[in-house]
């Protein structure tokens, strides 16, 4: 068994009520649900922050696509998408 740190948090009554109901409905502890939620949140946001930081590094290094190029590509994809929807199906 891994030793875990203890934290104290403050949550609103409505959130606590939802947590209580979810723990009961899933037969999980509130601690388990909170840890799972925090883990998922951090994984999603950690990836996003790293991607943003990489984008900033690339921009700082001049590795960018000009706005007009992006716009032209987007408009081309959009036109292709509209054309496909208008074509009759075989």
Protein backbone atom coordinates (compact mmCIF):
# COMPACT_ATOMS: atom_id res chain seq x y z
CA UNK A 1 0.00 0.00 0.00
CA UNK A 2 1.33 3.41 -0.96
CA UNK A 3 1.42 6.14 1.66
CA UNK A 4 -0.69 9.10 0.64
CA UNK A 5 -0.52 12.72 1.70
CA UNK A 6 -3.47 14.27 3.47
CA UNK A 7 -4.97 17.54 2.22
CA UNK A 8 -7.83 19.62 3.49
CA UNK A 9 -10.03 21.39 0.95
CA UNK A 10 -13.11 23.55 1.18
CA UNK A 11 -16.01 22.85 -1.15
CA UNK A 12 -19.49 24.27 -1.39
CA UNK A 13 -22.41 22.38 0.10
CA UNK A 14 -23.91 21.61 -3.30
CA UNK A 15 -20.65 20.06 -4.50
CA UNK A 16 -20.34 18.07 -1.28
CA UNK A 17 -23.89 16.77 -1.71
CA UNK A 18 -23.13 15.67 -5.27
CA UNK A 19 -19.93 14.00 -4.12
CA UNK A 20 -21.81 12.17 -1.35
CA UNK A 21 -24.43 10.94 -3.83
CA UNK A 22 -21.81 9.84 -6.37
CA UNK A 23 -19.80 7.98 -3.73
CA UNK A 24 -22.90 6.14 -2.60
CA UNK A 25 -24.08 5.38 -6.15
CA UNK A 26 -20.69 4.03 -7.25
CA UNK A 27 -19.72 2.33 -3.98
CA UNK A 28 -16.49 4.36 -3.99
CA UNK A 29 -15.02 6.54 -1.29
CA UNK A 30 -15.18 10.29 -1.61
CA UNK A 31 -11.39 10.31 -1.45
CA UNK A 32 -11.20 7.94 -4.41
CA UNK A 33 -13.58 10.09 -6.46
CA UNK A 34 -11.76 13.31 -5.59
CA UNK A 35 -8.36 11.83 -6.43
CA UNK A 36 -9.69 10.44 -9.72
CA UNK A 37 -11.20 13.80 -10.66
CA UNK A 38 -8.02 15.70 -9.81
CA UNK A 39 -5.86 13.17 -11.69
CA UNK A 40 -8.04 13.47 -14.83
CA UNK A 41 -8.11 17.28 -14.61
CA UNK A 42 -4.34 17.48 -14.25
CA UNK A 43 -3.68 15.06 -17.11
CA UNK A 44 -5.88 17.07 -19.47
CA UNK A 45 -4.57 20.44 -18.39
CA UNK A 46 -0.94 19.36 -18.13
CA UNK A 47 -1.08 18.24 -21.77
CA UNK A 48 -2.74 21.52 -22.77
CA UNK A 49 -0.21 23.68 -20.92
CA UNK A 50 2.70 21.72 -22.43
CA UNK A 51 1.20 22.12 -25.92
CA UNK A 52 0.78 25.87 -25.40
CA UNK A 53 4.35 26.21 -24.13
CA UNK A 54 5.63 24.27 -27.17
CA UNK A 55 3.61 26.54 -29.46
CA UNK A 56 5.12 29.60 -27.80
CA UNK A 57 8.63 28.12 -28.22
CA UNK A 58 7.93 27.49 -31.90
CA UNK A 59 6.57 31.00 -32.38
CA UNK A 60 9.58 32.50 -30.61
CA UNK A 61 11.81 30.49 -32.98
CA UNK A 62 9.91 31.84 -35.99
CA UNK A 63 8.33 28.47 -36.78
CA UNK A 64 4.90 29.80 -37.68
CA UNK A 65 2.51 29.52 -40.62
CA UNK A 66 1.42 32.89 -42.01
CA UNK A 67 -2.20 33.82 -41.36
CA UNK A 68 -3.05 33.96 -45.07
CA UNK A 69 -1.76 30.40 -45.57
CA UNK A 70 -3.86 29.08 -42.70
CA UNK A 71 -6.90 30.99 -43.96
CA UNK A 72 -6.48 29.62 -47.50
CA UNK A 73 -6.12 26.04 -46.21
CA UNK A 74 -9.19 26.40 -44.00
CA UNK A 75 -11.27 27.86 -46.81
CA UNK A 76 -10.14 25.01 -49.10
CA UNK A 77 -11.17 22.38 -46.54
CA UNK A 78 -14.47 24.13 -45.97
CA UNK A 79 -15.19 24.25 -49.71
CA UNK A 80 -14.35 20.54 -50.06
CA UNK A 81 -16.67 19.74 -47.16
CA UNK A 82 -19.56 21.70 -48.69
CA UNK A 83 -18.97 20.10 -52.11
CA UNK A 84 -19.07 16.60 -50.60
CA UNK A 85 -22.38 17.30 -48.93
CA UNK A 86 -23.91 18.50 -52.19
CA UNK A 87 -22.84 15.49 -54.26
CA UNK A 88 -25.50 12.82 -54.72
CA UNK A 89 -24.76 9.50 -53.09
CA UNK A 90 -24.27 6.52 -55.38
